[in-house]
Amino acid sequence: MSTFEAYREKVEAELEVAQAKLAELKARAKSATADVQIGLSKEEDQLERGVEAATAKLHELGEAGEDAWEQLKDDAQSTWEKLSAAIGDAVAKLKD
């Protein structure tokens, strides 16, 4: 397996985890208080956009192929880090 393929599989796995966490967040938010639900509604929208952006970056990586993927790797990693941090923040707010 090439480095490109390994990285793409890693990003795919991370994206699946992010999607699962978002689904869990939505389920937990349903049982939260009204005030918490209102605050999380905006965050859910942002997280969904983040998942969409990460999915788009993953698609770009796949389209780029092994020759050009290094150029997209940093951008994809940055997108993932922002999404991961946003999910962590939203989960922390639910625990408060």
N, C-alpha and C. Protein backbone atom coordinates (compact mmCIF):
# COMPACT_ATOMS: atom_id res chain seq x y z
N MET A 1 0.86 -1.18 0.00
CA MET A 1 0.00 0.00 0.00
C MET A 1 0.90 1.23 0.00
N SER A 2 0.60 2.15 -0.88
CA SER A 2 1.39 3.38 -0.97
C SER A 2 1.04 4.33 0.18
N THR A 3 1.88 5.31 0.37
CA THR A 3 1.62 6.33 1.39
C THR A 3 0.33 7.07 1.08
N PHE A 4 0.10 7.33 -0.19
CA PHE A 4 -1.13 8.00 -0.62
C PHE A 4 -2.36 7.20 -0.22
N GLU A 5 -2.35 5.91 -0.52
CA GLU A 5 -3.50 5.06 -0.18
C GLU A 5 -3.71 4.97 1.33
N ALA A 6 -2.61 4.86 2.07
CA ALA A 6 -2.70 4.78 3.52
C ALA A 6 -3.29 6.07 4.09
N TYR A 7 -2.84 7.21 3.57
CA TYR A 7 -3.36 8.49 4.06
C TYR A 7 -4.83 8.62 3.72
N ARG A 8 -5.21 8.24 2.51
CA ARG A 8 -6.61 8.34 2.11
C ARG A 8 -7.49 7.46 2.99
N GLU A 9 -7.03 6.26 3.30
CA GLU A 9 -7.80 5.39 4.19
C GLU A 9 -7.90 5.97 5.59
N LYS A 10 -6.84 6.60 6.06
CA LYS A 10 -6.85 7.24 7.38
C LYS A 10 -7.89 8.36 7.41
N VAL A 11 -7.90 9.19 6.37
CA VAL A 11 -8.85 10.30 6.31
C VAL A 11 -10.28 9.76 6.22
N GLU A 12 -10.48 8.71 5.45
CA GLU A 12 -11.82 8.10 5.35
C GLU A 12 -12.29 7.61 6.71
N ALA A 13 -11.41 6.96 7.45
CA ALA A 13 -11.76 6.45 8.78
C ALA A 13 -12.08 7.61 9.73
N GLU A 14 -11.28 8.66 9.69
CA GLU A 14 -11.53 9.82 10.55
C GLU A 14 -12.87 10.47 10.21
N LEU A 15 -13.18 10.52 8.93
CA LEU A 15 -14.46 11.11 8.51
C LEU A 15 -15.63 10.26 9.00
N GLU A 16 -15.49 8.95 8.95
CA GLU A 16 -16.54 8.07 9.45
C GLU A 16 -16.76 8.30 10.95
N VAL A 17 -15.67 8.46 11.69
CA VAL A 17 -15.77 8.74 13.12
C VAL A 17 -16.47 10.07 13.35
N ALA A 18 -16.12 11.08 12.57
CA ALA A 18 -16.75 12.40 12.71
C ALA A 18 -18.24 12.32 12.42
N GLN A 19 -18.62 11.57 11.40
CA GLN A 19 -20.04 11.42 11.07
C GLN A 19 -20.78 10.70 12.20
N ALA A 20 -20.15 9.70 12.79
CA ALA A 20 -20.77 8.98 13.90
C ALA A 20 -20.93 9.89 15.11
N LYS A 21 -19.92 10.69 15.40
CA LYS A 21 -20.00 11.61 16.53
C LYS A 21 -21.08 12.66 16.31
N LEU A 22 -21.21 13.13 15.08
CA LEU A 22 -22.26 14.09 14.77
C LEU A 22 -23.64 13.47 14.97
N ALA A 23 -23.81 12.24 14.54
CA ALA A 23 -25.09 11.54 14.74
C ALA A 23 -25.38 11.35 16.23
N GLU A 24 -24.35 11.02 16.99
CA GLU A 24 -24.50 10.87 18.44
C GLU A 24 -24.86 12.20 19.08
N LEU A 25 -24.21 13.26 18.63
CA LEU A 25 -24.49 14.59 19.16
C LEU A 25 -25.95 14.97 18.91
N LYS A 26 -26.44 14.70 17.72
CA LYS A 26 -27.83 15.01 17.39
C LYS A 26 -28.78 14.21 18.27
N ALA A 27 -28.47 12.95 18.50
CA ALA A 27 -29.33 12.12 19.34
C ALA A 27 -29.33 12.61 20.79
N ARG A 28 -28.16 12.96 21.29
CA ARG A 28 -28.08 13.45 22.67
C ARG A 28 -28.74 14.81 22.83
N ALA A 29 -28.65 15.63 21.79
CA ALA A 29 -29.24 16.97 21.85
C ALA A 29 -30.75 16.91 21.97
N LYS A 30 -31.36 15.87 21.44
CA LYS A 30 -32.81 15.74 21.51
C LYS A 30 -33.31 15.63 22.95
N SER A 31 -32.46 15.09 23.82
CA SER A 31 -32.89 14.95 25.21
C SER A 31 -32.35 16.06 26.11
N ALA A 32 -31.68 17.03 25.53
CA ALA A 32 -31.13 18.15 26.31
C ALA A 32 -32.22 19.19 26.57
N THR A 33 -31.89 20.12 27.44
CA THR A 33 -32.83 21.20 27.74
C THR A 33 -33.01 22.08 26.51
N ALA A 34 -34.07 22.86 26.51
CA ALA A 34 -34.38 23.73 25.37
C ALA A 34 -33.24 24.71 25.10
N ASP A 35 -32.68 25.30 26.16
CA ASP A 35 -31.59 26.26 25.97
C ASP A 35 -30.39 25.60 25.30
N VAL A 36 -30.06 24.41 25.73
CA VAL A 36 -28.92 23.68 25.15
C VAL A 36 -29.24 23.32 23.70
N GLN A 37 -30.47 22.90 23.43
CA GLN A 37 -30.86 22.54 22.07
C GLN A 37 -30.72 23.72 21.12
N ILE A 38 -31.10 24.91 21.57
CA ILE A 38 -30.99 26.10 20.72
C ILE A 38 -29.53 26.37 20.39
N GLY A 39 -28.67 26.30 21.38
CA GLY A 39 -27.24 26.53 21.14
C GLY A 39 -26.62 25.47 20.24
N LEU A 40 -27.04 24.25 20.42
CA LEU A 40 -26.47 23.17 19.62
C LEU A 40 -26.99 23.16 18.19
N SER A 41 -28.14 23.72 17.96
CA SER A 41 -28.69 23.75 16.61
C SER A 41 -27.73 24.45 15.65
N LYS A 42 -27.19 25.58 16.08
CA LYS A 42 -26.23 26.32 15.25
C LYS A 42 -24.96 25.49 15.06
N GLU A 43 -24.52 24.86 16.12
CA GLU A 43 -23.30 24.06 16.03
C GLU A 43 -23.50 22.84 15.13
N GLU A 44 -24.67 22.24 15.19
CA GLU A 44 -24.95 21.10 14.32
C GLU A 44 -24.83 21.52 12.86
N ASP A 45 -25.38 22.69 12.53
CA ASP A 45 -25.28 23.19 11.16
C ASP A 45 -23.83 23.37 10.75
N GLN A 46 -23.04 23.95 11.64
CA GLN A 46 -21.62 24.16 11.35
C GLN A 46 -20.89 22.83 11.19
N LEU A 47 -21.23 21.87 12.05
CA LEU A 47 -20.59 20.56 11.97
C LEU A 47 -20.96 19.85 10.67
N GLU A 48 -22.21 19.96 10.28
CA GLU A 48 -22.62 19.33 9.03
C GLU A 48 -21.86 19.95 7.85
N ARG A 49 -21.68 21.27 7.87
CA ARG A 49 -20.90 21.91 6.81
C ARG A 49 -19.44 21.45 6.87
N GLY A 50 -18.94 21.26 8.08
CA GLY A 50 -17.58 20.76 8.23
C GLY A 50 -17.41 19.35 7.69
N VAL A 51 -18.39 18.49 7.93
CA VAL A 51 -18.35 17.13 7.40
C VAL A 51 -18.41 17.19 5.87
N GLU A 52 -19.26 18.06 5.34
CA GLU A 52 -19.34 18.21 3.89
C GLU A 52 -18.01 18.69 3.31
N ALA A 53 -17.37 19.64 3.99
CA ALA A 53 -16.07 20.14 3.51
C ALA A 53 -15.01 19.04 3.56
N ALA A 54 -15.01 18.27 4.64
CA ALA A 54 -14.04 17.18 4.76
C ALA A 54 -14.29 16.12 3.70
N THR A 55 -15.56 15.84 3.42
CA THR A 55 -15.89 14.88 2.37
C THR A 55 -15.41 15.39 1.01
N ALA A 56 -15.58 16.67 0.76
CA ALA A 56 -15.12 17.26 -0.49
C ALA A 56 -13.60 17.16 -0.61
N LYS A 57 -12.89 17.41 0.49
CA LYS A 57 -11.43 17.31 0.47
C LYS A 57 -11.00 15.88 0.21
N LEU A 58 -11.70 14.93 0.80
CA LEU A 58 -11.39 13.52 0.58
C LEU A 58 -11.59 13.18 -0.90
N HIS A 59 -12.66 13.69 -1.47
CA HIS A 59 -12.92 13.47 -2.89
C HIS A 59 -11.80 14.07 -3.74
N GLU A 60 -11.36 15.28 -3.38
CA GLU A 60 -10.26 15.92 -4.10
C GLU A 60 -9.00 15.07 -4.02
N LEU A 61 -8.73 14.52 -2.84
CA LEU A 61 -7.56 13.66 -2.69
C LEU A 61 -7.65 12.46 -3.62
N GLY A 62 -8.84 11.86 -3.67
CA GLY A 62 -9.03 10.70 -4.53
C GLY A 62 -8.86 11.03 -5.99
N GLU A 63 -9.35 12.20 -6.38
CA GLU A 63 -9.26 12.64 -7.77
C GLU A 63 -7.82 13.02 -8.14
N ALA A 64 -7.08 13.52 -7.17
CA ALA A 64 -5.73 14.01 -7.45
C ALA A 64 -4.78 12.89 -7.83
N GLY A 65 -4.99 11.74 -7.25
CA GLY A 65 -4.07 10.64 -7.52
C GLY A 65 -2.77 10.81 -6.75
N GLU A 66 -1.91 9.85 -6.93
CA GLU A 66 -0.69 9.82 -6.13
C GLU A 66 0.27 10.96 -6.45
N ASP A 67 0.26 11.45 -7.66
CA ASP A 67 1.22 12.48 -8.05
C ASP A 67 0.97 13.83 -7.38
N ALA A 68 -0.30 14.20 -7.22
CA ALA A 68 -0.62 15.54 -6.73
C ALA A 68 -1.13 15.57 -5.30
N TRP A 69 -1.24 14.43 -4.64
CA TRP A 69 -1.89 14.41 -3.34
C TRP A 69 -1.14 15.17 -2.27
N GLU A 70 0.16 15.25 -2.36
CA GLU A 70 0.94 15.98 -1.36
C GLU A 70 0.51 17.44 -1.28
N GLN A 71 0.14 18.02 -2.42
CA GLN A 71 -0.28 19.41 -2.45
C GLN A 71 -1.60 19.60 -1.70
N LEU A 72 -2.45 18.60 -1.73
CA LEU A 72 -3.77 18.70 -1.09
C LEU A 72 -3.77 18.21 0.35
N LYS A 73 -2.74 17.47 0.72
CA LYS A 73 -2.69 16.84 2.04
C LYS A 73 -2.81 17.85 3.17
N ASP A 74 -2.05 18.92 3.12
CA ASP A 74 -2.07 19.92 4.20
C ASP A 74 -3.45 20.57 4.34
N ASP A 75 -4.06 20.88 3.22
CA ASP A 75 -5.39 21.49 3.23
C ASP A 75 -6.42 20.53 3.81
N ALA A 76 -6.32 19.27 3.42
CA ALA A 76 -7.24 18.25 3.95
C ALA A 76 -7.03 18.07 5.45
N GLN A 77 -5.78 18.07 5.89
CA GLN A 77 -5.48 17.92 7.31
C GLN A 77 -6.02 19.09 8.11
N SER A 78 -5.88 20.29 7.59
CA SER A 78 -6.40 21.48 8.26
C SER A 78 -7.92 21.41 8.39
N THR A 79 -8.58 20.99 7.33
CA THR A 79 -10.04 20.85 7.36
C THR A 79 -10.45 19.84 8.42
N TRP A 80 -9.74 18.72 8.48
CA TRP A 80 -10.05 17.69 9.46
C TRP A 80 -9.85 18.21 10.88
N GLU A 81 -8.76 18.92 11.12
CA GLU A 81 -8.46 19.42 12.47
C GLU A 81 -9.54 20.39 12.94
N LYS A 82 -10.01 21.26 12.05
CA LYS A 82 -11.08 22.19 12.40
C LYS A 82 -12.37 21.44 12.74
N LEU A 83 -12.69 20.45 11.93
CA LEU A 83 -13.90 19.66 12.17
C LEU A 83 -13.80 18.90 13.49
N SER A 84 -12.68 18.29 13.73
CA SER A 84 -12.48 17.53 14.97
C SER A 84 -12.60 18.43 16.20
N ALA A 85 -12.02 19.62 16.14
CA ALA A 85 -12.11 20.56 17.26
C ALA A 85 -13.55 21.02 17.47
N ALA A 86 -14.26 21.27 16.39
CA ALA A 86 -15.66 21.71 16.51
C ALA A 86 -16.52 20.62 17.12
N ILE A 87 -16.28 19.39 16.75
CA ILE A 87 -17.05 18.28 17.34
C ILE A 87 -16.74 18.16 18.82
N GLY A 88 -15.47 18.28 19.17
CA GLY A 88 -15.09 18.22 20.58
C GLY A 88 -15.74 19.32 21.39
N ASP A 89 -15.80 20.53 20.85
CA ASP A 89 -16.45 21.65 21.53
C ASP A 89 -17.94 21.40 21.74
N ALA A 90 -18.59 20.88 20.70
CA ALA A 90 -20.03 20.62 20.80
C ALA A 90 -20.32 19.53 21.83
N VAL A 91 -19.51 18.50 21.84
CA VAL A 91 -19.70 17.42 22.83
C VAL A 91 -19.48 17.96 24.23
N ALA A 92 -18.50 18.81 24.41
CA ALA A 92 -18.22 19.40 25.73
C ALA A 92 -19.40 20.24 26.21
N LYS A 93 -20.04 20.96 25.30
CA LYS A 93 -21.20 21.77 25.68
C LYS A 93 -22.36 20.91 26.13
N LEU A 94 -22.49 19.74 25.54
CA LEU A 94 -23.56 18.84 25.95
C LEU A 94 -23.32 18.30 27.36
N LYS A 95 -22.07 18.16 27.71
CA LYS A 95 -21.73 17.63 29.04
C LYS A 95 -21.91 18.66 30.13
N ASP A 96 -21.88 19.94 29.76
CA ASP A 96 -22.02 21.02 30.76
C ASP A 96 -23.39 21.02 31.39
